[in-house]
Amino acid sequence: MLIRSPKDFWSGLLFAALGIGAIWVGSNYPLGTAARMGPGYFPRILGILLIVLGAIIALRGMRVTGEAIPAWKWRPTIIVLGAVVIYGIIIGWLGVAISTVFLIVASAAASHEFRWKESVIAGLLLSGLAVSVFIIGLGVQLPIWPTFITR
């Protein structure tokens, strides 16, 4: 077996693994029928599609020559994961608006193309979108602003 495009091959296997996981999760729910879908219908169909797509991509990785997988970059991984963990910790205290700006700016700092002005603008826009969709639209029970200001 010769892998000519490691990126395609391993991403195909990742898709297939996610498909298997979706089928496994969906197997705990009733399937229903196509006309009357149950809660397990969508995860199983999605899982099957992911497995098929993953197989196609993995087979392509064995036929078409492509790039090798670059070395793993630990710094950006740690910065982004750390920003998400800190976001989860501070969202209840600082609120969605400020926490989302922090998350976007901190995650953008992981890139070698990081620019403060663009990151803050993107953070403000995405913060407004998050408040509009989740707090106002869906009614998620999280504070918009810091608790020490609103009390």
Protein backbone atom coordinates (compact mmCIF):
# COMPACT_ATOMS: atom_id res chain seq x y z
CA MET A 1 0.00 0.00 0.00
CA LEU A 2 1.53 3.28 -1.10
CA ILE A 3 0.26 6.57 0.29
CA ARG A 4 1.04 9.29 -2.23
CA SER A 5 -0.83 12.14 -0.55
CA PRO A 6 -0.65 11.82 3.24
CA LYS A 7 -2.89 14.88 3.80
CA ASP A 8 -5.71 13.37 1.75
CA PHE A 9 -5.25 9.88 3.15
CA TRP A 10 -5.30 10.87 6.83
CA SER A 11 -8.09 13.42 6.42
CA GLY A 12 -10.15 10.70 4.70
CA LEU A 13 -9.56 8.37 7.64
CA LEU A 14 -10.54 11.19 10.03
CA PHE A 15 -13.82 11.72 8.15
CA ALA A 16 -14.52 7.99 8.27
CA ALA A 17 -13.76 7.86 12.01
CA LEU A 18 -16.12 10.78 12.65
CA GLY A 19 -18.76 8.99 10.57
CA ILE A 20 -18.37 5.85 12.66
CA GLY A 21 -18.69 7.97 15.81
CA ALA A 22 -21.87 9.62 14.50
CA ILE A 23 -23.40 6.22 13.73
CA TRP A 24 -22.42 4.96 17.16
CA VAL A 25 -24.01 7.98 18.90
CA GLY A 26 -27.12 7.74 16.70
CA SER A 27 -27.53 4.04 17.41
CA ASN A 28 -28.85 4.89 20.90
CA TYR A 29 -31.84 6.73 19.38
CA PRO A 30 -34.80 5.38 17.42
CA LEU A 31 -34.28 5.57 13.65
CA GLY A 32 -37.83 6.14 12.43
CA THR A 33 -38.60 6.21 8.71
CA ALA A 34 -37.77 8.60 5.87
CA ALA A 35 -41.29 10.03 6.10
CA ARG A 36 -41.23 10.22 9.92
CA MET A 37 -37.64 10.64 11.01
CA GLY A 38 -36.62 9.76 14.51
CA PRO A 39 -33.81 11.40 16.50
CA GLY A 40 -31.32 8.76 15.32
CA TYR A 41 -32.02 9.25 11.60
CA PHE A 42 -29.85 12.32 10.98
CA PRO A 43 -26.72 11.11 12.86
CA ARG A 44 -26.81 7.78 11.04
CA ILE A 45 -27.30 9.28 7.58
CA LEU A 46 -24.60 11.87 8.30
CA GLY A 47 -22.31 9.10 9.54
CA ILE A 48 -22.82 7.05 6.39
CA LEU A 49 -22.12 10.10 4.20
CA LEU A 50 -18.96 10.89 6.19
CA ILE A 51 -17.72 7.32 5.82
CA VAL A 52 -18.32 7.35 2.05
CA LEU A 53 -16.66 10.77 1.68
CA GLY A 54 -13.76 9.65 3.86
CA ALA A 55 -13.25 6.51 1.79
CA ILE A 56 -13.22 8.53 -1.44
CA ILE A 57 -10.69 11.02 -0.04
CA ALA A 58 -8.47 8.27 1.44
CA LEU A 59 -8.47 6.36 -1.87
CA ARG A 60 -7.61 9.59 -3.66
CA GLY A 61 -4.67 9.94 -1.27
CA MET A 62 -3.38 6.60 -2.50
CA ARG A 63 -3.69 7.51 -6.20
CA VAL A 64 -2.83 11.22 -6.53
CA THR A 65 0.52 12.65 -5.49
CA GLY A 66 0.22 15.40 -2.91
CA GLU A 67 1.96 17.25 -0.13
CA ALA A 68 3.38 15.67 2.98
CA ILE A 69 1.91 16.55 6.35
CA PRO A 70 3.95 19.42 7.85
CA ALA A 71 5.44 19.22 11.33
CA TRP A 72 2.99 19.84 14.15
CA LYS A 73 3.02 23.40 15.48
CA TRP A 74 2.50 23.29 19.23
CA ARG A 75 2.45 27.04 19.95
CA PRO A 76 -0.72 27.85 17.94
CA THR A 77 -2.43 24.71 19.24
CA ILE A 78 -1.76 25.62 22.87
CA ILE A 79 -2.75 29.27 22.36
CA VAL A 80 -6.08 28.43 20.68
CA LEU A 81 -7.00 25.65 23.14
CA GLY A 82 -5.98 27.87 26.06
CA ALA A 83 -8.13 30.72 24.74
CA VAL A 84 -11.15 28.39 24.49
CA VAL A 85 -10.61 27.09 28.04
CA ILE A 86 -10.24 30.62 29.43
CA TYR A 87 -13.35 31.67 27.47
CA GLY A 88 -15.33 28.90 29.17
CA ILE A 89 -14.07 30.04 32.56
CA ILE A 90 -14.66 33.80 32.15
CA ILE A 91 -17.93 33.88 30.16
CA GLY A 92 -20.11 33.67 33.28
CA TRP A 93 -18.19 36.49 34.97
CA LEU A 94 -17.31 38.86 32.08
CA GLY A 95 -20.34 38.13 29.89
CA VAL A 96 -20.63 37.08 26.28
CA ALA A 97 -19.64 40.40 24.72
CA ILE A 98 -16.22 40.86 26.36
CA SER A 99 -15.43 37.13 26.53
CA THR A 100 -16.03 36.69 22.81
CA VAL A 101 -13.75 39.61 21.94
CA PHE A 102 -11.07 38.05 24.18
CA LEU A 103 -11.49 34.66 22.50
CA ILE A 104 -11.16 36.06 18.97
CA VAL A 105 -8.15 38.27 19.75
CA ALA A 106 -6.35 35.58 21.76
CA SER A 107 -6.95 32.92 19.11
CA ALA A 108 -5.83 35.26 16.33
CA ALA A 109 -2.58 35.82 18.24
CA ALA A 110 -1.67 32.22 17.40
CA SER A 111 -1.16 33.19 13.76
CA HIS A 112 2.08 34.57 12.40
CA GLU A 113 -0.09 37.07 10.47
CA PHE A 114 -1.62 38.52 13.65
CA ARG A 115 -2.71 42.18 13.53
CA TRP A 116 -4.28 43.87 16.56
CA LYS A 117 -6.62 46.21 14.72
CA GLU A 118 -8.11 43.50 12.49
CA SER A 119 -8.45 41.09 15.40
CA VAL A 120 -10.26 43.60 17.60
CA ILE A 121 -12.63 44.57 14.75
CA ALA A 122 -13.37 40.91 14.02
CA GLY A 123 -13.84 40.28 17.74
CA LEU A 124 -16.32 43.14 18.07
CA LEU A 125 -18.31 42.04 15.02
CA LEU A 126 -18.41 38.40 16.11
CA SER A 127 -19.27 39.45 19.65
CA GLY A 128 -22.27 41.37 18.34
CA LEU A 129 -23.27 38.37 16.24
CA ALA A 130 -22.94 36.02 19.23
CA VAL A 131 -25.08 38.28 21.43
CA SER A 132 -27.68 38.68 18.67
CA VAL A 133 -27.96 35.00 17.86
CA PHE A 134 -27.49 33.28 21.21
CA ILE A 135 -28.70 35.75 23.83
CA ILE A 136 -31.40 37.69 21.98
CA GLY A 137 -32.44 35.18 19.30
CA LEU A 138 -32.21 31.86 21.15
CA GLY A 139 -32.60 33.17 24.68
CA VAL A 140 -29.49 31.50 26.12
CA GLN A 141 -29.22 32.38 29.80
CA LEU A 142 -25.78 33.98 29.90
CA PRO A 143 -24.95 37.56 30.88
CA ILE A 144 -24.18 39.93 28.02
CA TRP A 145 -22.00 42.24 30.14
CA PRO A 146 -19.84 41.59 33.23
CA THR A 147 -21.78 40.64 36.34
CA PHE A 148 -19.99 43.25 38.48
CA ILE A 149 -21.32 46.01 36.17
CA THR A 150 -24.92 44.83 35.77
CA ARG A 151 -25.63 44.17 39.44
